């Protein structure tokens, strides 16, 4: 399943970069608040990554990286989530996701389930390895794979359908 859409790569001198990053950051502020209404919702649904995936895939590395870095920081400062202890790992995974999604989108040139899956697996596998090295705790490092499969599926299928829905934008 794939579809051709307009994919962009805005540079840092383009005001659209900051406009779209702001929109996706707001999404990454609101979605975690909804997820946290459910016990362990953040751990299960991995909401902080959703709009980072969309931002980087559709609008390129700069919009993706701004969203990846500023979303967790803003969430932490405004709501205390993610907690400071896990903020570095989440920032690292967010940045890896932004890079992976932008690269995969550029290579694929279209929205496809396989390309989105590759971006998700890239950030999860590389991020898990880095988190394991940081925490020296394998159980903590693989937590997204133990609890976050629903979130990864939402990223995959929700991301695919949202990217298709905004294909003309």
C-alpha atoms as a PDB file:
ATOM      1  CA  UNK A   1       0.000   0.000   0.000  1.00  0.00           C
ATOM      2  CA  UNK A   2       1.521   3.287  -1.066  1.00  0.00           C
ATOM      3  CA  UNK A   3       0.409   6.578  -2.460  1.00  0.00           C
ATOM      4  CA  UNK A   4       2.200   9.473  -4.081  1.00  0.00           C
ATOM      5  CA  UNK A   5       2.021  12.719  -2.131  1.00  0.00           C
ATOM      6  CA  UNK A   6       3.816  16.021  -1.976  1.00  0.00           C
ATOM      7  CA  UNK A   7       6.818  15.674   0.308  1.00  0.00           C
ATOM      8  CA  UNK A   8       8.806  18.756   1.271  1.00  0.00           C
ATOM      9  CA  UNK A   9      12.162  19.587   2.746  1.00  0.00           C
ATOM     10  CA  UNK A  10      11.953  23.114   4.105  1.00  0.00           C
ATOM     11  CA  UNK A  11      15.220  24.720   5.160  1.00  0.00           C
ATOM     12  CA  UNK A  12      15.778  26.748   8.326  1.00  0.00           C
ATOM     13  CA  UNK A  13      15.453  30.083   6.520  1.00  0.00           C
ATOM     14  CA  UNK A  14      11.900  29.269   5.413  1.00  0.00           C
ATOM     15  CA  UNK A  15       9.168  30.552   7.726  1.00  0.00           C
ATOM     16  CA  UNK A  16       7.052  27.502   6.839  1.00  0.00           C
ATOM     17  CA  UNK A  17       9.613  25.380   8.690  1.00  0.00           C
ATOM     18  CA  UNK A  18       8.752  27.109  11.952  1.00  0.00           C
ATOM     19  CA  UNK A  19       5.022  27.295  11.218  1.00  0.00           C
ATOM     20  CA  UNK A  20       4.715  23.575  10.555  1.00  0.00           C
ATOM     21  CA  UNK A  21       7.014  22.703  13.461  1.00  0.00           C
ATOM     22  CA  UNK A  22       4.797  24.790  15.779  1.00  0.00           C
ATOM     23  CA  UNK A  23       1.676  22.990  14.539  1.00  0.00           C
ATOM     24  CA  UNK A  24       3.233  19.574  15.112  1.00  0.00           C
ATOM     25  CA  UNK A  25       4.617  20.582  18.510  1.00  0.00           C
ATOM     26  CA  UNK A  26       1.089  21.551  19.574  1.00  0.00           C
ATOM     27  CA  UNK A  27      -0.065  18.118  18.394  1.00  0.00           C
ATOM     28  CA  UNK A  28       2.707  16.534  20.439  1.00  0.00           C
ATOM     29  CA  UNK A  29       1.549  18.546  23.461  1.00  0.00           C
ATOM     30  CA  UNK A  30      -2.111  17.590  23.131  1.00  0.00           C
ATOM     31  CA  UNK A  31      -1.853  13.918  22.184  1.00  0.00           C
ATOM     32  CA  UNK A  32       0.224  12.931  25.243  1.00  0.00           C
ATOM     33  CA  UNK A  33      -2.270  14.716  27.484  1.00  0.00           C
ATOM     34  CA  UNK A  34      -5.018  12.508  26.064  1.00  0.00           C
ATOM     35  CA  UNK A  35      -2.893   9.380  26.361  1.00  0.00           C
ATOM     36  CA  UNK A  36      -2.047  10.129  29.984  1.00  0.00           C
ATOM     37  CA  UNK A  37      -5.751   9.976  30.871  1.00  0.00           C
ATOM     38  CA  UNK A  38      -5.327   6.200  30.599  1.00  0.00           C
ATOM     39  CA  UNK A  39      -3.126   4.478  33.195  1.00  0.00           C
ATOM     40  CA  UNK A  40       0.293   3.918  31.588  1.00  0.00           C
ATOM     41  CA  UNK A  41      -1.094   5.554  28.433  1.00  0.00           C
ATOM     42  CA  UNK A  42       2.214   7.212  27.630  1.00  0.00           C
ATOM     43  CA  UNK A  43       4.082   3.922  27.854  1.00  0.00           C
ATOM     44  CA  UNK A  44       1.467   2.071  25.801  1.00  0.00           C
ATOM     45  CA  UNK A  45       0.635   4.620  23.095  1.00  0.00           C
ATOM     46  CA  UNK A  46       4.027   6.418  22.759  1.00  0.00           C
ATOM     47  CA  UNK A  47       2.186   9.650  21.866  1.00  0.00           C
ATOM     48  CA  UNK A  48       5.195  11.980  21.977  1.00  0.00           C
ATOM     49  CA  UNK A  49       6.537  10.429  18.767  1.00  0.00           C
ATOM     50  CA  UNK A  50       3.428  10.528  16.576  1.00  0.00           C
ATOM     51  CA  UNK A  51       3.583  14.059  15.203  1.00  0.00           C
ATOM     52  CA  UNK A  52       7.366  13.939  15.004  1.00  0.00           C
ATOM     53  CA  UNK A  53       6.962  11.072  12.524  1.00  0.00           C
ATOM     54  CA  UNK A  54       4.417  13.035  10.486  1.00  0.00           C
ATOM     55  CA  UNK A  55       6.453  16.267  10.595  1.00  0.00           C
ATOM     56  CA  UNK A  56       9.688  14.678   9.433  1.00  0.00           C
ATOM     57  CA  UNK A  57       8.102  12.407   6.833  1.00  0.00           C
ATOM     58  CA  UNK A  58       5.989  15.107   5.193  1.00  0.00           C
ATOM     59  CA  UNK A  59       8.006  18.289   5.750  1.00  0.00           C
ATOM     60  CA  UNK A  60      11.596  17.131   6.029  1.00  0.00           C
ATOM     61  CA  UNK A  61      14.462  16.925   8.450  1.00  0.00           C
ATOM     62  CA  UNK A  62      14.346  20.505   9.776  1.00  0.00           C
ATOM     63  CA  UNK A  63      10.645  20.477  10.674  1.00  0.00           C
ATOM     64  CA  UNK A  64      11.137  16.973  12.061  1.00  0.00           C
ATOM     65  CA  UNK A  65      14.119  17.871  14.238  1.00  0.00           C
ATOM     66  CA  UNK A  66      12.476  21.008  15.614  1.00  0.00           C
ATOM     67  CA  UNK A  67       9.422  18.942  16.508  1.00  0.00           C
ATOM     68  CA  UNK A  68      11.545  16.094  17.894  1.00  0.00           C
ATOM     69  CA  UNK A  69      13.515  18.303  20.268  1.00  0.00           C
ATOM     70  CA  UNK A  70      11.001  20.944  21.263  1.00  0.00           C
ATOM     71  CA  UNK A  71       8.024  18.625  21.877  1.00  0.00           C
ATOM     72  CA  UNK A  72       9.529  16.579  24.738  1.00  0.00           C
ATOM     73  CA  UNK A  73      11.154  19.682  26.236  1.00  0.00           C
ATOM     74  CA  UNK A  74       7.893  21.657  26.142  1.00  0.00           C
ATOM     75  CA  UNK A  75       5.956  18.705  27.576  1.00  0.00           C
ATOM     76  CA  UNK A  76       8.465  18.338  30.375  1.00  0.00           C
ATOM     77  CA  UNK A  77       8.476  22.049  31.212  1.00  0.00           C
ATOM     78  CA  UNK A  78       4.690  22.466  31.016  1.00  0.00           C
ATOM     79  CA  UNK A  79       3.424  19.161  32.398  1.00  0.00           C
ATOM     80  CA  UNK A  80       6.379  17.378  34.006  1.00  0.00           C
ATOM     81  CA  UNK A  81       6.042  14.567  31.484  1.00  0.00           C
ATOM     82  CA  UNK A  82       8.210  12.943  30.439  1.00  0.00           C
ATOM     83  CA  UNK A  83       9.998  12.884  33.794  1.00  0.00           C
ATOM     84  CA  UNK A  84      13.543  14.273  33.825  1.00  0.00           C
ATOM     85  CA  UNK A  85      15.028  10.796  34.296  1.00  0.00           C
ATOM     86  CA  UNK A  86      13.708   9.545  30.938  1.00  0.00           C
ATOM     87  CA  UNK A  87      13.860  12.837  29.027  1.00  0.00           C
ATOM     88  CA  UNK A  88      17.320  12.161  27.499  1.00  0.00           C
ATOM     89  CA  UNK A  89      16.243   8.768  26.107  1.00  0.00           C
ATOM     90  CA  UNK A  90      13.034  10.231  24.685  1.00  0.00           C
ATOM     91  CA  UNK A  91      14.922  13.119  23.094  1.00  0.00           C
ATOM     92  CA  UNK A  92      17.384  10.697  21.522  1.00  0.00           C
ATOM     93  CA  UNK A  93      14.624   8.463  20.167  1.00  0.00           C
ATOM     94  CA  UNK A  94      12.730  11.516  18.886  1.00  0.00           C
ATOM     95  CA  UNK A  95      15.771  12.796  17.019  1.00  0.00           C
ATOM     96  CA  UNK A  96      16.462   9.347  15.562  1.00  0.00           C
ATOM     97  CA  UNK A  97      12.819   9.139  14.454  1.00  0.00           C
ATOM     98  CA  UNK A  98      12.989  12.536  12.764  1.00  0.00           C
ATOM     99  CA  UNK A  99      16.157  11.586  10.908  1.00  0.00           C
ATOM    100  CA  UNK A 100      14.874   8.137   9.945  1.00  0.00           C
ATOM    101  CA  UNK A 101      11.466   9.406   8.795  1.00  0.00           C
ATOM    102  CA  UNK A 102      12.957  12.215   6.704  1.00  0.00           C
ATOM    103  CA  UNK A 103      15.504   9.889   5.085  1.00  0.00           C
ATOM    104  CA  UNK A 104      12.984   7.136   4.396  1.00  0.00           C
ATOM    105  CA  UNK A 105      10.476   9.604   2.929  1.00  0.00           C
ATOM    106  CA  UNK A 106      13.131  11.139   0.692  1.00  0.00           C
ATOM    107  CA  UNK A 107      14.243   7.700  -0.491  1.00  0.00           C
ATOM    108  CA  UNK A 108      10.712   6.340  -0.998  1.00  0.00           C
ATOM    109  CA  UNK A 109       9.322   9.516  -2.539  1.00  0.00           C
ATOM    110  CA  UNK A 110       5.853   8.465  -1.443  1.00  0.00           C
ATOM    111  CA  UNK A 111       3.862   7.420   1.586  1.00  0.00           C
ATOM    112  CA  UNK A 112       3.985   3.684   2.113  1.00  0.00           C
ATOM    113  CA  UNK A 113       3.390   1.388   5.040  1.00  0.00           C
ATOM    114  CA  UNK A 114       6.773  -0.249   4.482  1.00  0.00           C
ATOM    115  CA  UNK A 115       8.637   3.080   4.535  1.00  0.00           C
ATOM    116  CA  UNK A 116       6.861   4.194   7.709  1.00  0.00           C
ATOM    117  CA  UNK A 117       7.544   0.793   9.294  1.00  0.00           C
ATOM    118  CA  UNK A 118      11.253   1.153   8.472  1.00  0.00           C
ATOM    119  CA  UNK A 119      11.340   4.586  10.142  1.00  0.00           C
ATOM    120  CA  UNK A 120       9.572   3.232  13.242  1.00  0.00           C
ATOM    121  CA  UNK A 121      11.819   0.189  13.526  1.00  0.00           C
ATOM    122  CA  UNK A 122      14.916   2.328  12.974  1.00  0.00           C
ATOM    123  CA  UNK A 123      14.169   4.697  15.832  1.00  0.00           C
ATOM    124  CA  UNK A 124      13.032   1.914  18.126  1.00  0.00           C
ATOM    125  CA  UNK A 125      15.954  -0.441  17.487  1.00  0.00           C
ATOM    126  CA  UNK A 126      18.692   2.200  17.491  1.00  0.00           C
ATOM    127  CA  UNK A 127      17.039   4.078  20.354  1.00  0.00           C
ATOM    128  CA  UNK A 128      16.682   0.892  22.402  1.00  0.00           C
ATOM    129  CA  UNK A 129      20.374   0.162  21.973  1.00  0.00           C
ATOM    130  CA  UNK A 130      21.327   3.666  23.041  1.00  0.00           C
ATOM    131  CA  UNK A 131      18.919   3.597  25.971  1.00  0.00           C
ATOM    132  CA  UNK A 132      20.349   0.253  27.082  1.00  0.00           C
ATOM    133  CA  UNK A 133      23.822   1.765  27.006  1.00  0.00           C
ATOM    134  CA  UNK A 134      22.635   4.792  28.976  1.00  0.00           C
ATOM    135  CA  UNK A 135      20.671   2.919  31.639  1.00  0.00           C
ATOM    136  CA  UNK A 136      22.605  -0.361  31.734  1.00  0.00           C
ATOM    137  CA  UNK A 137      19.154  -1.908  32.189  1.00  0.00           C
ATOM    138  CA  UNK A 138      17.854  -4.115  29.376  1.00  0.00           C
ATOM    139  CA  UNK A 139      14.306  -4.278  30.805  1.00  0.00           C
ATOM    140  CA  UNK A 140      13.980  -0.492  30.769  1.00  0.00           C
ATOM    141  CA  UNK A 141      15.518  -0.275  27.305  1.00  0.00           C
ATOM    142  CA  UNK A 142      13.026  -2.713  25.749  1.00  0.00           C
ATOM    143  CA  UNK A 143      10.016  -1.221  27.506  1.00  0.00           C
ATOM    144  CA  UNK A 144       8.657   0.204  24.232  1.00  0.00           C
ATOM    145  CA  UNK A 145       8.668  -3.311  22.772  1.00  0.00           C
ATOM    146  CA  UNK A 146       7.035  -4.780  25.882  1.00  0.00           C
ATOM    147  CA  UNK A 147       4.345  -2.134  26.344  1.00  0.00           C
ATOM    148  CA  UNK A 148       4.429   0.197  23.345  1.00  0.00           C
ATOM    149  CA  UNK A 149       3.404  -2.088  20.484  1.00  0.00           C
ATOM    150  CA  UNK A 150      -0.065  -0.454  20.343  1.00  0.00           C
ATOM    151  CA  UNK A 151       1.671   2.918  20.026  1.00  0.00           C
ATOM    152  CA  UNK A 152       3.917   1.672  17.238  1.00  0.00           C
ATOM    153  CA  UNK A 153       0.865   0.314  15.425  1.00  0.00           C
ATOM    154  CA  UNK A 154      -0.860   3.683  15.830  1.00  0.00           C
ATOM    155  CA  UNK A 155       2.253   5.349  14.418  1.00  0.00           C
ATOM    156  CA  UNK A 156       2.274   2.937  11.486  1.00  0.00           C
ATOM    157  CA  UNK A 157      -1.382   2.925  10.497  1.00  0.00           C
ATOM    158  CA  UNK A 158      -2.422   6.293  11.948  1.00  0.00           C
ATOM    159  CA  UNK A 159       0.666   7.889  10.429  1.00  0.00           C
ATOM    160  CA  UNK A 160      -0.046   6.330   7.060  1.00  0.00           C
ATOM    161  CA  UNK A 161      -3.656   7.494   6.993  1.00  0.00           C
ATOM    162  CA  UNK A 162      -2.848  10.983   8.309  1.00  0.00           C
ATOM    163  CA  UNK A 163      -0.061  11.404   5.750  1.00  0.00           C
ATOM    164  CA  UNK A 164      -2.475  10.352   3.016  1.00  0.00           C
ATOM    165  CA  UNK A 165      -5.128  12.719   4.382  1.00  0.00           C
ATOM    166  CA  UNK A 166      -2.739  15.691   4.226  1.00  0.00           C
ATOM    167  CA  UNK A 167      -1.314  14.630   0.870  1.00  0.00           C
ATOM    168  CA  UNK A 168      -2.293  17.860  -0.887  1.00  0.00           C
ATOM    169  CA  UNK A 169      -1.051  20.228   1.820  1.00  0.00           C
END
